[in-house]
C-alpha atoms as a PDB file:
ATOM      1  CA  MET A   1       0.000   0.000   0.000  1.00  0.00           C
ATOM      2  CA  ILE A   2       1.099   3.528  -0.702  1.00  0.00           C
ATOM      3  CA  VAL A   3       0.496   6.534   1.530  1.00  0.00           C
ATOM      4  CA  ASN A   4      -2.052   8.055  -0.857  1.00  0.00           C
ATOM      5  CA  ASP A   5      -4.182   4.904  -0.695  1.00  0.00           C
ATOM      6  CA  ILE A   6      -4.089   4.909   3.108  1.00  0.00           C
ATOM      7  CA  LEU A   7      -5.058   8.587   3.258  1.00  0.00           C
ATOM      8  CA  ALA A   8      -7.878   8.114   0.753  1.00  0.00           C
ATOM      9  CA  PHE A   9      -9.234   5.095   2.631  1.00  0.00           C
ATOM     10  CA  SER A  10      -8.984   6.932   5.955  1.00  0.00           C
ATOM     11  CA  LEU A  11     -10.942   9.875   4.571  1.00  0.00           C
ATOM     12  CA  ILE A  12     -13.699   7.664   3.166  1.00  0.00           C
ATOM     13  CA  ALA A  13     -13.867   5.692   6.433  1.00  0.00           C
ATOM     14  CA  LEU A  14     -14.071   8.926   8.439  1.00  0.00           C
ATOM     15  CA  LEU A  15     -16.926  10.233   6.306  1.00  0.00           C
ATOM     16  CA  LEU A  16     -18.715   6.912   6.752  1.00  0.00           C
ATOM     17  CA  VAL A  17     -18.279   7.017  10.528  1.00  0.00           C
ATOM     18  CA  ILE A  18     -19.411  10.614  11.067  1.00  0.00           C
ATOM     19  CA  SER A  19     -22.379  10.413   8.699  1.00  0.00           C
ATOM     20  CA  PRO A  20     -25.782   9.953  10.389  1.00  0.00           C
ATOM     21  CA  GLY A  21     -26.678   6.325  11.026  1.00  0.00           C
ATOM     22  CA  PRO A  22     -27.675   3.707  13.611  1.00  0.00           C
ATOM     23  CA  ASN A  23     -24.237   3.713  15.299  1.00  0.00           C
ATOM     24  CA  GLY A  24     -24.349   7.406  16.114  1.00  0.00           C
ATOM     25  CA  VAL A  25     -27.908   7.166  17.396  1.00  0.00           C
ATOM     26  CA  LEU A  26     -26.973   4.177  19.584  1.00  0.00           C
ATOM     27  CA  ILE A  27     -24.064   6.032  21.191  1.00  0.00           C
ATOM     28  CA  LEU A  28     -26.192   9.142  21.697  1.00  0.00           C
ATOM     29  CA  LYS A  29     -28.886   7.065  23.393  1.00  0.00           C
ATOM     30  CA  THR A  30     -26.512   5.071  25.575  1.00  0.00           C
ATOM     31  CA  ALA A  31     -24.215   7.921  26.593  1.00  0.00           C
ATOM     32  CA  SER A  32     -27.115  10.188  27.517  1.00  0.00           C
ATOM     33  CA  SER A  33     -29.095   7.604  29.481  1.00  0.00           C
ATOM     34  CA  GLN A  34     -26.653   4.900  30.667  1.00  0.00           C
ATOM     35  CA  GLY A  35     -23.398   6.801  31.055  1.00  0.00           C
ATOM     36  CA  THR A  36     -19.824   6.737  29.789  1.00  0.00           C
ATOM     37  CA  ARG A  37     -18.982   3.154  30.812  1.00  0.00           C
ATOM     38  CA  ALA A  38     -21.950   1.683  28.934  1.00  0.00           C
ATOM     39  CA  SER A  39     -21.235   3.833  25.891  1.00  0.00           C
ATOM     40  CA  VAL A  40     -17.584   2.743  25.750  1.00  0.00           C
ATOM     41  CA  LEU A  41     -18.718  -0.893  25.890  1.00  0.00           C
ATOM     42  CA  ASN A  42     -21.052  -0.130  22.978  1.00  0.00           C
ATOM     43  CA  ILE A  43     -18.044   1.245  21.119  1.00  0.00           C
ATOM     44  CA  PHE A  44     -15.989  -1.897  21.752  1.00  0.00           C
ATOM     45  CA  GLY A  45     -18.875  -3.852  20.271  1.00  0.00           C
ATOM     46  CA  LEU A  46     -18.897  -1.593  17.203  1.00  0.00           C
ATOM     47  CA  THR A  47     -15.162  -1.969  16.620  1.00  0.00           C
ATOM     48  CA  THR A  48     -15.212  -5.743  17.082  1.00  0.00           C
ATOM     49  CA  ALA A  49     -18.042  -6.096  14.567  1.00  0.00           C
ATOM     50  CA  THR A  50     -16.041  -3.937  12.145  1.00  0.00           C
ATOM     51  CA  PHE A  51     -13.314  -6.593  12.102  1.00  0.00           C
ATOM     52  CA  PHE A  52     -15.981  -9.196  11.342  1.00  0.00           C
ATOM     53  CA  HIS A  53     -17.175  -7.102   8.394  1.00  0.00           C
ATOM     54  CA  GLY A  54     -13.591  -6.769   7.204  1.00  0.00           C
ATOM     55  CA  ALA A  55     -12.932 -10.502   7.505  1.00  0.00           C
ATOM     56  CA  LEU A  56     -16.123 -11.327   5.588  1.00  0.00           C
ATOM     57  CA  SER A  57     -15.033  -9.013   2.781  1.00  0.00           C
ATOM     58  CA  ILE A  58     -11.411 -10.186   2.717  1.00  0.00           C
ATOM     59  CA  PHE A  59     -12.371 -13.858   2.566  1.00  0.00           C
ATOM     60  CA  GLY A  60     -15.078 -13.235  -0.020  1.00  0.00           C
ATOM     61  CA  PHE A  61     -18.145 -14.035   2.069  1.00  0.00           C
ATOM     62  CA  SER A  62     -19.695 -10.569   1.647  1.00  0.00           C
ATOM     63  CA  ALA A  63     -19.902 -10.993  -2.125  1.00  0.00           C
ATOM     64  CA  LEU A  64     -21.471 -14.433  -1.732  1.00  0.00           C
ATOM     65  CA  LEU A  65     -24.016 -13.019   0.695  1.00  0.00           C
ATOM     66  CA  MET A  66     -25.049 -10.227  -1.659  1.00  0.00           C
ATOM     67  CA  GLN A  67     -25.475 -12.720  -4.513  1.00  0.00           C
ATOM     68  CA  SER A  68     -28.132 -14.582  -2.526  1.00  0.00           C
ATOM     69  CA  ALA A  69     -31.393 -12.622  -2.572  1.00  0.00           C
ATOM     70  CA  GLU A  70     -32.854 -14.796   0.187  1.00  0.00           C
ATOM     71  CA  LEU A  71     -29.924 -14.335   2.579  1.00  0.00           C
ATOM     72  CA  PHE A  72     -29.748 -10.612   1.891  1.00  0.00           C
ATOM     73  CA  PHE A  73     -33.492 -10.320   2.607  1.00  0.00           C
ATOM     74  CA  ILE A  74     -33.082 -12.190   5.911  1.00  0.00           C
ATOM     75  CA  ILE A  75     -30.220  -9.890   6.940  1.00  0.00           C
ATOM     76  CA  LYS A  76     -32.388  -6.863   6.097  1.00  0.00           C
ATOM     77  CA  ILE A  77     -35.272  -8.161   8.206  1.00  0.00           C
ATOM     78  CA  LEU A  78     -32.979  -8.942  11.147  1.00  0.00           C
ATOM     79  CA  GLY A  79     -31.298  -5.538  10.928  1.00  0.00           C
ATOM     80  CA  ALA A  80     -34.558  -3.613  10.648  1.00  0.00           C
ATOM     81  CA  GLY A  81     -36.154  -5.640  13.432  1.00  0.00           C
ATOM     82  CA  TYR A  82     -33.249  -5.067  15.812  1.00  0.00           C
ATOM     83  CA  LEU A  83     -33.146  -1.312  15.153  1.00  0.00           C
ATOM     84  CA  PHE A  84     -36.912  -1.132  15.672  1.00  0.00           C
ATOM     85  CA  TYR A  85     -36.554  -3.054  18.952  1.00  0.00           C
ATOM     86  CA  ILE A  86     -33.835  -0.699  20.249  1.00  0.00           C
ATOM     87  CA  GLY A  87     -35.909   2.323  19.238  1.00  0.00           C
ATOM     88  CA  VAL A  88     -39.087   1.166  20.967  1.00  0.00           C
ATOM     89  CA  LYS A  89     -37.101   0.076  24.035  1.00  0.00           C
ATOM     90  CA  ALA A  90     -35.474   3.540  24.297  1.00  0.00           C
ATOM     91  CA  ILE A  91     -38.826   5.341  24.016  1.00  0.00           C
ATOM     92  CA  ILE A  92     -40.529   3.134  26.629  1.00  0.00           C
ATOM     93  CA  SER A  93     -37.523   3.471  28.969  1.00  0.00           C
ATOM     94  CA  SER A  94     -37.643   7.277  28.749  1.00  0.00           C
ATOM     95  CA  TYR A  95     -41.180   7.337  30.148  1.00  0.00           C
ATOM     96  CA  LYS A  96     -40.217   5.105  33.058  1.00  0.00           C
ATOM     97  CA  THR A  97     -37.379   7.409  34.177  1.00  0.00           C
ATOM     98  CA  THR A  98     -38.104  10.309  36.508  1.00  0.00           C
ATOM     99  CA  SER A  99     -35.976  12.626  38.616  1.00  0.00           C
ATOM    100  CA  SER A 100     -36.708  10.599  41.754  1.00  0.00           C
ATOM    101  CA  ASP A 101     -35.309   7.344  40.397  1.00  0.00           C
ATOM    102  CA  THR A 102     -32.292   8.687  38.504  1.00  0.00           C
ATOM    103  CA  ASP A 103     -29.815   7.728  41.252  1.00  0.00           C
ATOM    104  CA  THR A 104     -31.364   4.273  41.544  1.00  0.00           C
ATOM    105  CA  ASN A 105     -31.042   3.742  37.790  1.00  0.00           C
ATOM    106  CA  LYS A 106     -27.391   4.718  37.898  1.00  0.00           C
ATOM    107  CA  LYS A 107     -26.676   2.124  40.587  1.00  0.00           C
ATOM    108  CA  ILE A 108     -28.516  -0.562  38.625  1.00  0.00           C
ATOM    109  CA  ASN A 109     -26.730   0.338  35.396  1.00  0.00           C
ATOM    110  CA  ALA A 110     -23.370   0.280  37.182  1.00  0.00           C
ATOM    111  CA  LYS A 111     -23.994  -3.349  38.150  1.00  0.00           C
ATOM    112  CA  LYS A 112     -25.380  -4.379  34.772  1.00  0.00           C
ATOM    113  CA  ASN A 113     -23.372  -6.970  32.913  1.00  0.00           C
ATOM    114  CA  GLY A 114     -21.120  -5.191  30.414  1.00  0.00           C
ATOM    115  CA  VAL A 115     -21.682  -7.987  27.885  1.00  0.00           C
ATOM    116  CA  GLY A 116     -25.162  -6.590  27.248  1.00  0.00           C
ATOM    117  CA  TYR A 117     -23.826  -3.194  26.201  1.00  0.00           C
ATOM    118  CA  PHE A 118     -21.070  -4.823  24.137  1.00  0.00           C
ATOM    119  CA  ASN A 119     -23.584  -7.027  22.336  1.00  0.00           C
ATOM    120  CA  GLU A 120     -25.814  -4.037  21.645  1.00  0.00           C
ATOM    121  CA  GLY A 121     -22.963  -2.310  19.815  1.00  0.00           C
ATOM    122  CA  PHE A 122     -21.823  -5.494  18.078  1.00  0.00           C
ATOM    123  CA  ILE A 123     -25.258  -6.417  16.722  1.00  0.00           C
ATOM    124  CA  THR A 124     -26.007  -2.847  15.626  1.00  0.00           C
ATOM    125  CA  GLN A 125     -22.785  -2.721  13.607  1.00  0.00           C
ATOM    126  CA  ILE A 126     -22.902  -6.253  12.198  1.00  0.00           C
ATOM    127  CA  LEU A 127     -26.456  -5.644  10.892  1.00  0.00           C
ATOM    128  CA  ASN A 128     -25.699  -2.111   9.685  1.00  0.00           C
ATOM    129  CA  PRO A 129     -26.353  -2.106   5.897  1.00  0.00           C
ATOM    130  CA  LYS A 130     -24.264   1.040   5.435  1.00  0.00           C
ATOM    131  CA  VAL A 131     -21.161  -0.759   6.702  1.00  0.00           C
ATOM    132  CA  SER A 132     -21.990  -3.896   4.705  1.00  0.00           C
ATOM    133  CA  MET A 133     -22.141  -1.913   1.475  1.00  0.00           C
ATOM    134  CA  PHE A 134     -18.890  -0.134   2.351  1.00  0.00           C
ATOM    135  CA  TYR A 135     -17.029  -3.441   2.677  1.00  0.00           C
ATOM    136  CA  LEU A 136     -18.700  -4.819  -0.421  1.00  0.00           C
ATOM    137  CA  ALA A 137     -18.168  -1.868  -2.765  1.00  0.00           C
ATOM    138  CA  ALA A 138     -15.527   0.560  -1.468  1.00  0.00           C
ATOM    139  CA  PHE A 139     -13.148  -1.614   0.550  1.00  0.00           C
ATOM    140  CA  PRO A 140     -12.136  -3.964  -2.337  1.00  0.00           C
ATOM    141  CA  GLN A 141     -11.003  -0.941  -4.364  1.00  0.00           C
ATOM    142  CA  PHE A 142      -8.069  -0.553  -1.954  1.00  0.00           C
ATOM    143  CA  ILE A 143      -7.046  -4.222  -2.159  1.00  0.00           C
ATOM    144  CA  SER A 144      -4.714  -5.092  -5.028  1.00  0.00           C
ATOM    145  CA  PRO A 145      -5.344  -8.626  -6.391  1.00  0.00           C
ATOM    146  CA  ASP A 146      -1.857  -8.679  -7.920  1.00  0.00           C
ATOM    147  CA  ASN A 147      -0.114  -7.766  -4.688  1.00  0.00           C
ATOM    148  CA  PHE A 148      -2.558  -9.063  -2.075  1.00  0.00           C
ATOM    149  CA  SER A 149      -1.528  -9.150   1.570  1.00  0.00           C
ATOM    150  CA  TYR A 150      -3.674 -10.141   4.536  1.00  0.00           C
ATOM    151  CA  PHE A 151      -1.596  -7.813   6.680  1.00  0.00           C
ATOM    152  CA  ASN A 152      -2.348  -4.819   4.430  1.00  0.00           C
ATOM    153  CA  ALA A 153      -6.033  -5.726   4.184  1.00  0.00           C
ATOM    154  CA  PHE A 154      -6.518  -6.039   7.928  1.00  0.00           C
ATOM    155  CA  SER A 155      -4.438  -2.903   8.468  1.00  0.00           C
ATOM    156  CA  LEU A 156      -7.116  -0.986   6.562  1.00  0.00           C
ATOM    157  CA  VAL A 157      -9.814  -2.583   8.694  1.00  0.00           C
ATOM    158  CA  SER A 158      -7.824  -1.549  11.783  1.00  0.00           C
ATOM    159  CA  ILE A 159      -7.754   2.038  10.538  1.00  0.00           C
ATOM    160  CA  HIS A 160     -11.531   1.993  10.135  1.00  0.00           C
ATOM    161  CA  ALA A 161     -12.017   0.468  13.600  1.00  0.00           C
ATOM    162  CA  SER A 162      -9.652   3.037  15.149  1.00  0.00           C
ATOM    163  CA  ILE A 163     -11.575   5.904  13.569  1.00  0.00           C
ATOM    164  CA  ILE A 164     -14.830   4.470  14.953  1.00  0.00           C
ATOM    165  CA  PHE A 165     -13.302   4.159  18.406  1.00  0.00           C
ATOM    166  CA  MET A 166     -11.790   7.658  18.529  1.00  0.00           C
ATOM    167  CA  TRP A 167     -14.832   9.404  17.031  1.00  0.00           C
ATOM    168  CA  PHE A 168     -17.423   7.820  19.289  1.00  0.00           C
ATOM    169  CA  VAL A 169     -15.276   8.103  22.426  1.00  0.00           C
ATOM    170  CA  GLY A 170     -15.072  11.816  21.628  1.00  0.00           C
ATOM    171  CA  VAL A 171     -18.852  11.954  21.169  1.00  0.00           C
ATOM    172  CA  THR A 172     -19.330  10.093  24.460  1.00  0.00           C
ATOM    173  CA  LEU A 173     -17.086  12.485  26.394  1.00  0.00           C
ATOM    174  CA  ALA A 174     -18.850  15.484  24.855  1.00  0.00           C
ATOM    175  CA  ILE A 175     -22.259  14.135  25.878  1.00  0.00           C
ATOM    176  CA  ASP A 176     -20.967  13.395  29.374  1.00  0.00           C
ATOM    177  CA  LYS A 177     -19.739  16.979  29.705  1.00  0.00           C
ATOM    178  CA  ILE A 178     -23.085  18.348  28.552  1.00  0.00           C
ATOM    179  CA  LYS A 179     -24.896  16.074  31.015  1.00  0.00           C
ATOM    180  CA  SER A 180     -22.652  17.230  33.868  1.00  0.00           C
ATOM    181  CA  SER A 181     -23.428  20.845  33.069  1.00  0.00           C
ATOM    182  CA  ALA A 182     -27.143  20.426  32.535  1.00  0.00           C
ATOM    183  CA  LYS A 183     -28.044  17.706  35.075  1.00  0.00           C
ATOM    184  CA  ASN A 184     -31.519  17.715  33.566  1.00  0.00           C
ATOM    185  CA  THR A 185     -33.366  14.404  33.681  1.00  0.00           C
ATOM    186  CA  LYS A 186     -36.122  15.656  31.374  1.00  0.00           C
ATOM    187  CA  MET A 187     -33.563  16.565  28.726  1.00  0.00           C
ATOM    188  CA  GLY A 188     -32.083  13.072  28.965  1.00  0.00           C
ATOM    189  CA  ASN A 189     -35.523  11.554  28.535  1.00  0.00           C
ATOM    190  CA  TRP A 190     -36.179  13.623  25.423  1.00  0.00           C
ATOM    191  CA  VAL A 191     -32.807  12.576  23.992  1.00  0.00           C
ATOM    192  CA  GLN A 192     -33.843   8.960  24.514  1.00  0.00           C
ATOM    193  CA  ARG A 193     -37.179   9.545  22.787  1.00  0.00           C
ATOM    194  CA  LEU A 194     -35.584  11.288  19.829  1.00  0.00           C
ATOM    195  CA  SER A 195     -32.923   8.572  19.606  1.00  0.00           C
ATOM    196  CA  GLY A 196     -35.576   5.881  19.711  1.00  0.00           C
ATOM    197  CA  THR A 197     -37.561   7.603  16.979  1.00  0.00           C
ATOM    198  CA  ALA A 198     -34.423   7.869  14.859  1.00  0.00           C
ATOM    199  CA  MET A 199     -33.733   4.145  15.332  1.00  0.00           C
ATOM    200  CA  ILE A 200     -37.261   3.321  14.163  1.00  0.00           C
ATOM    201  CA  TYR A 201     -36.730   5.607  11.164  1.00  0.00           C
ATOM    202  CA  PHE A 202     -33.476   3.847  10.260  1.00  0.00           C
ATOM    203  CA  SER A 203     -35.222   0.483  10.567  1.00  0.00           C
ATOM    204  CA  SER A 204     -37.693   1.605   7.891  1.00  0.00           C
ATOM    205  CA  LEU A 205     -34.798   2.701   5.668  1.00  0.00           C
ATOM    206  CA  VAL A 206     -33.225  -0.737   5.991  1.00  0.00           C
ATOM    207  CA  LEU A 207     -36.461  -2.411   4.909  1.00  0.00           C
ATOM    208  CA  THR A 208     -36.799  -0.201   1.839  1.00  0.00           C
ATOM    209  CA  GLN A 209     -33.169  -0.665   0.784  1.00  0.00           C
ATOM    210  CA  LYS A 210     -32.771  -2.568  -2.493  1.00  0.00           C
END
């Protein structure tokens, strides 16, 4: 790989990461309602799933998946269903949270198994059609068939995962700072409701994707 290819890939990956999508909504929801620890665990799930996407593309499974209309349809249904579930769950949770039980919720969330937050991030990313299309269409353009190297291929995936990690950690810290300044439970509830609505909206986009 040459430096220009790395820079070009990094730019495309950055634009993909910062563009509106299910990942950003998930982090916004989690960081505003569950706190920094839960959000960081979400992020680890996102980055781990990114390596799965990369491996599927590198070993040719992504292309095989897209060639099967039935499998692609199943993935779409699963992705849309999961986003819809997260959205509805966030909206319902926002109406159950009041100022009086905020401290109690924090204690419960602190004890919650981190695997749940990790899985939430992992599943959101692995079923994210935007990322699937990136590794199907854009990623192979940076892999030379004549000079193929697994090290180079996974290095690009690592760059993408690193950008995801740094961007969403920054978003998480920014939300935490805003929360510390505001300390407004009602605002947090409205963020959850808006995030949930956005998740439901993205689930409809997944279903209509061709």
